[in-house]
Each structure stands twice: as structure tokens, then as C-alpha cells.
Amino acid sequence: MRKARGVSQEVLSDEAGLDRTFLSQLETGRKQPSLLTIFQLATALQATASELLRQVESKLGAEN
């Protein structure tokens, strides 16, 4: 979703109030977000938390 919107990790992490390194770890699956983090990311991406989760769910389903 971040890449589709043309936003860098640095910009998104600033807008979401998260550390850029943590965001990178989320994207690579090395860390798992809390519910609060999901809402912060969704807000920064101008999406809903359910949209964000739906995309993750779709991607995980495609990998299995």
C-alpha cells in the first residue's frame, strides 16, 4: 500500500509517528504490529485499518 501510493518509508514513518527501522521490520515480517500501530499506519496511508488488514490477508492467502 505504501509503495502503491508512492510514499517512502521515511515519509510514512514520520506521518505515522513510527521509527523508520521499525516500519522496515514490519514490511519484511520481522516484527508484528500492535493494533494501535495498525491504526497509525492506516491513518498515515489515508485508509482504514480494515482496508490495511484486508490487503495483508490477501497477500498472506496468496502465499499459502
N, C-alpha and C. Protein backbone atom coordinates (compact mmCIF):
# COMPACT_ATOMS: atom_id res chain seq x y z
N MET A 1 0.84 -1.18 0.00
CA MET A 1 0.00 0.00 0.00
C MET A 1 0.89 1.25 0.00
N ARG A 2 1.98 1.21 0.77
CA ARG A 2 2.89 2.35 0.82
C ARG A 2 3.50 2.61 -0.55
N LYS A 3 3.99 1.55 -1.18
CA LYS A 3 4.63 1.70 -2.49
C LYS A 3 3.64 2.13 -3.55
N ALA A 4 2.42 1.58 -3.49
CA ALA A 4 1.39 1.94 -4.47
C ALA A 4 1.04 3.41 -4.38
N ARG A 5 1.20 3.99 -3.23
CA ARG A 5 0.90 5.42 -3.06
C ARG A 5 2.13 6.30 -3.28
N GLY A 6 3.26 5.66 -3.58
CA GLY A 6 4.47 6.42 -3.89
C GLY A 6 5.07 7.13 -2.69
N VAL A 7 4.95 6.51 -1.51
CA VAL A 7 5.44 7.11 -0.27
C VAL A 7 6.66 6.34 0.21
N SER A 8 7.69 7.05 0.61
CA SER A 8 8.89 6.39 1.12
C SER A 8 8.66 5.92 2.55
N GLN A 9 9.49 4.99 3.00
CA GLN A 9 9.41 4.53 4.39
C GLN A 9 9.62 5.70 5.34
N GLU A 10 10.52 6.57 5.02
CA GLU A 10 10.81 7.70 5.88
C GLU A 10 9.60 8.62 6.05
N VAL A 11 8.95 8.93 4.94
CA VAL A 11 7.77 9.80 4.99
C VAL A 11 6.65 9.12 5.77
N LEU A 12 6.39 7.85 5.47
CA LEU A 12 5.31 7.14 6.15
C LEU A 12 5.60 7.01 7.64
N SER A 13 6.83 6.69 7.99
CA SER A 13 7.16 6.56 9.42
C SER A 13 6.97 7.88 10.15
N ASP A 14 7.35 8.99 9.51
CA ASP A 14 7.13 10.30 10.12
C ASP A 14 5.64 10.59 10.30
N GLU A 15 4.85 10.33 9.26
CA GLU A 15 3.42 10.61 9.32
C GLU A 15 2.69 9.72 10.32
N ALA A 16 3.19 8.49 10.50
CA ALA A 16 2.55 7.54 11.42
C ALA A 16 3.11 7.65 12.84
N GLY A 17 4.21 8.41 13.00
CA GLY A 17 4.83 8.54 14.32
C GLY A 17 5.57 7.30 14.73
N LEU A 18 6.17 6.61 13.75
CA LEU A 18 6.90 5.38 14.00
C LEU A 18 8.35 5.53 13.56
N ASP A 19 9.20 4.70 14.11
CA ASP A 19 10.60 4.68 13.70
C ASP A 19 10.71 4.02 12.32
N ARG A 20 11.53 4.58 11.44
CA ARG A 20 11.67 4.03 10.10
C ARG A 20 12.18 2.61 10.11
N THR A 21 13.10 2.31 11.02
CA THR A 21 13.63 0.95 11.12
C THR A 21 12.52 -0.03 11.50
N PHE A 22 11.66 0.37 12.42
CA PHE A 22 10.54 -0.47 12.82
C PHE A 22 9.61 -0.71 11.63
N LEU A 23 9.34 0.33 10.85
CA LEU A 23 8.49 0.19 9.67
C LEU A 23 9.11 -0.81 8.69
N SER A 24 10.41 -0.72 8.49
CA SER A 24 11.10 -1.67 7.62
C SER A 24 10.93 -3.10 8.14
N GLN A 25 11.05 -3.27 9.43
CA GLN A 25 10.91 -4.60 10.03
C GLN A 25 9.47 -5.11 9.87
N LEU A 26 8.49 -4.23 9.94
CA LEU A 26 7.10 -4.64 9.71
C LEU A 26 6.92 -5.12 8.27
N GLU A 27 7.47 -4.37 7.34
CA GLU A 27 7.32 -4.71 5.93
C GLU A 27 8.00 -6.02 5.57
N THR A 28 9.06 -6.35 6.25
CA THR A 28 9.78 -7.59 5.94
C THR A 28 9.32 -8.76 6.81
N GLY A 29 8.37 -8.51 7.69
CA GLY A 29 7.82 -9.58 8.52
C GLY A 29 8.65 -9.94 9.73
N ARG A 30 9.64 -9.14 10.05
CA ARG A 30 10.48 -9.43 11.22
C ARG A 30 9.85 -8.95 12.52
N LYS A 31 8.90 -8.03 12.41
CA LYS A 31 8.15 -7.53 13.57
C LYS A 31 6.67 -7.60 13.26
N GLN A 32 5.87 -7.68 14.31
CA GLN A 32 4.41 -7.71 14.17
C GLN A 32 3.85 -6.44 14.80
N PRO A 33 2.90 -5.78 14.12
CA PRO A 33 2.36 -4.53 14.64
C PRO A 33 1.30 -4.76 15.72
N SER A 34 1.23 -3.83 16.64
CA SER A 34 0.13 -3.83 17.61
C SER A 34 -1.10 -3.27 16.90
N LEU A 35 -2.24 -3.38 17.53
CA LEU A 35 -3.46 -2.82 16.96
C LEU A 35 -3.33 -1.31 16.82
N LEU A 36 -2.73 -0.66 17.80
CA LEU A 36 -2.52 0.79 17.72
C LEU A 36 -1.65 1.14 16.51
N THR A 37 -0.61 0.38 16.27
CA THR A 37 0.27 0.62 15.12
C THR A 37 -0.48 0.47 13.81
N ILE A 38 -1.36 -0.52 13.73
CA ILE A 38 -2.16 -0.71 12.52
C ILE A 38 -3.01 0.52 12.26
N PHE A 39 -3.63 1.06 13.30
CA PHE A 39 -4.44 2.27 13.13
C PHE A 39 -3.58 3.47 12.75
N GLN A 40 -2.38 3.59 13.32
CA GLN A 40 -1.49 4.70 12.98
C GLN A 40 -1.09 4.62 11.51
N LEU A 41 -0.74 3.42 11.05
CA LEU A 41 -0.34 3.24 9.66
C LEU A 41 -1.51 3.51 8.72
N ALA A 42 -2.67 3.01 9.06
CA ALA A 42 -3.84 3.23 8.22
C ALA A 42 -4.14 4.72 8.08
N THR A 43 -4.10 5.43 9.18
CA THR A 43 -4.35 6.88 9.13
C THR A 43 -3.32 7.58 8.25
N ALA A 44 -2.05 7.23 8.42
CA ALA A 44 -0.99 7.85 7.62
C ALA A 44 -1.13 7.51 6.13
N LEU A 45 -1.69 6.33 5.83
CA LEU A 45 -1.89 5.92 4.44
C LEU A 45 -3.24 6.38 3.89
N GLN A 46 -3.99 7.12 4.71
CA GLN A 46 -5.32 7.61 4.33
C GLN A 46 -6.22 6.45 3.93
N ALA A 47 -6.20 5.43 4.79
CA ALA A 47 -7.01 4.23 4.59
C ALA A 47 -7.63 3.86 5.92
N THR A 48 -8.47 2.85 5.91
CA THR A 48 -9.00 2.34 7.17
C THR A 48 -8.15 1.16 7.60
N ALA A 49 -8.21 0.86 8.88
CA ALA A 49 -7.49 -0.29 9.39
C ALA A 49 -7.98 -1.57 8.71
N SER A 50 -9.28 -1.64 8.46
CA SER A 50 -9.81 -2.84 7.81
C SER A 50 -9.28 -2.99 6.38
N GLU A 51 -9.09 -1.89 5.66
CA GLU A 51 -8.50 -1.96 4.31
C GLU A 51 -7.07 -2.48 4.39
N LEU A 52 -6.34 -1.97 5.34
CA LEU A 52 -4.95 -2.39 5.51
C LEU A 52 -4.88 -3.89 5.83
N LEU A 53 -5.70 -4.32 6.76
CA LEU A 53 -5.72 -5.74 7.13
C LEU A 53 -6.20 -6.61 5.98
N ARG A 54 -7.16 -6.15 5.22
CA ARG A 54 -7.66 -6.91 4.08
C ARG A 54 -6.55 -7.15 3.06
N GLN A 55 -5.73 -6.14 2.82
CA GLN A 55 -4.63 -6.31 1.87
C GLN A 55 -3.60 -7.29 2.39
N VAL A 56 -3.31 -7.21 3.68
CA VAL A 56 -2.36 -8.16 4.27
C VAL A 56 -2.91 -9.57 4.19
N GLU A 57 -4.19 -9.71 4.51
CA GLU A 57 -4.83 -11.02 4.45
C GLU A 57 -4.79 -11.59 3.04
N SER A 58 -5.05 -10.76 2.04
CA SER A 58 -4.99 -11.21 0.65
C SER A 58 -3.58 -11.67 0.27
N LYS A 59 -2.60 -10.88 0.70
CA LYS A 59 -1.22 -11.23 0.36
C LYS A 59 -0.82 -12.53 1.05
N LEU A 60 -1.18 -12.70 2.30
CA LEU A 60 -0.84 -13.93 3.01
C LEU A 60 -1.57 -15.13 2.40
N GLY A 61 -2.79 -14.94 1.97
CA GLY A 61 -3.55 -16.01 1.35
C GLY A 61 -2.93 -16.44 0.03
N ALA A 62 -2.39 -15.48 -0.71
CA ALA A 62 -1.76 -15.77 -1.99
C ALA A 62 -0.45 -16.53 -1.81
N GLU A 63 0.20 -16.34 -0.67
CA GLU A 63 1.47 -17.00 -0.42
C GLU A 63 1.30 -18.45 0.04
N ASN A 64 0.13 -18.78 0.57
CA ASN A 64 -0.10 -20.15 1.09
C ASN A 64 -0.57 -21.09 0.04
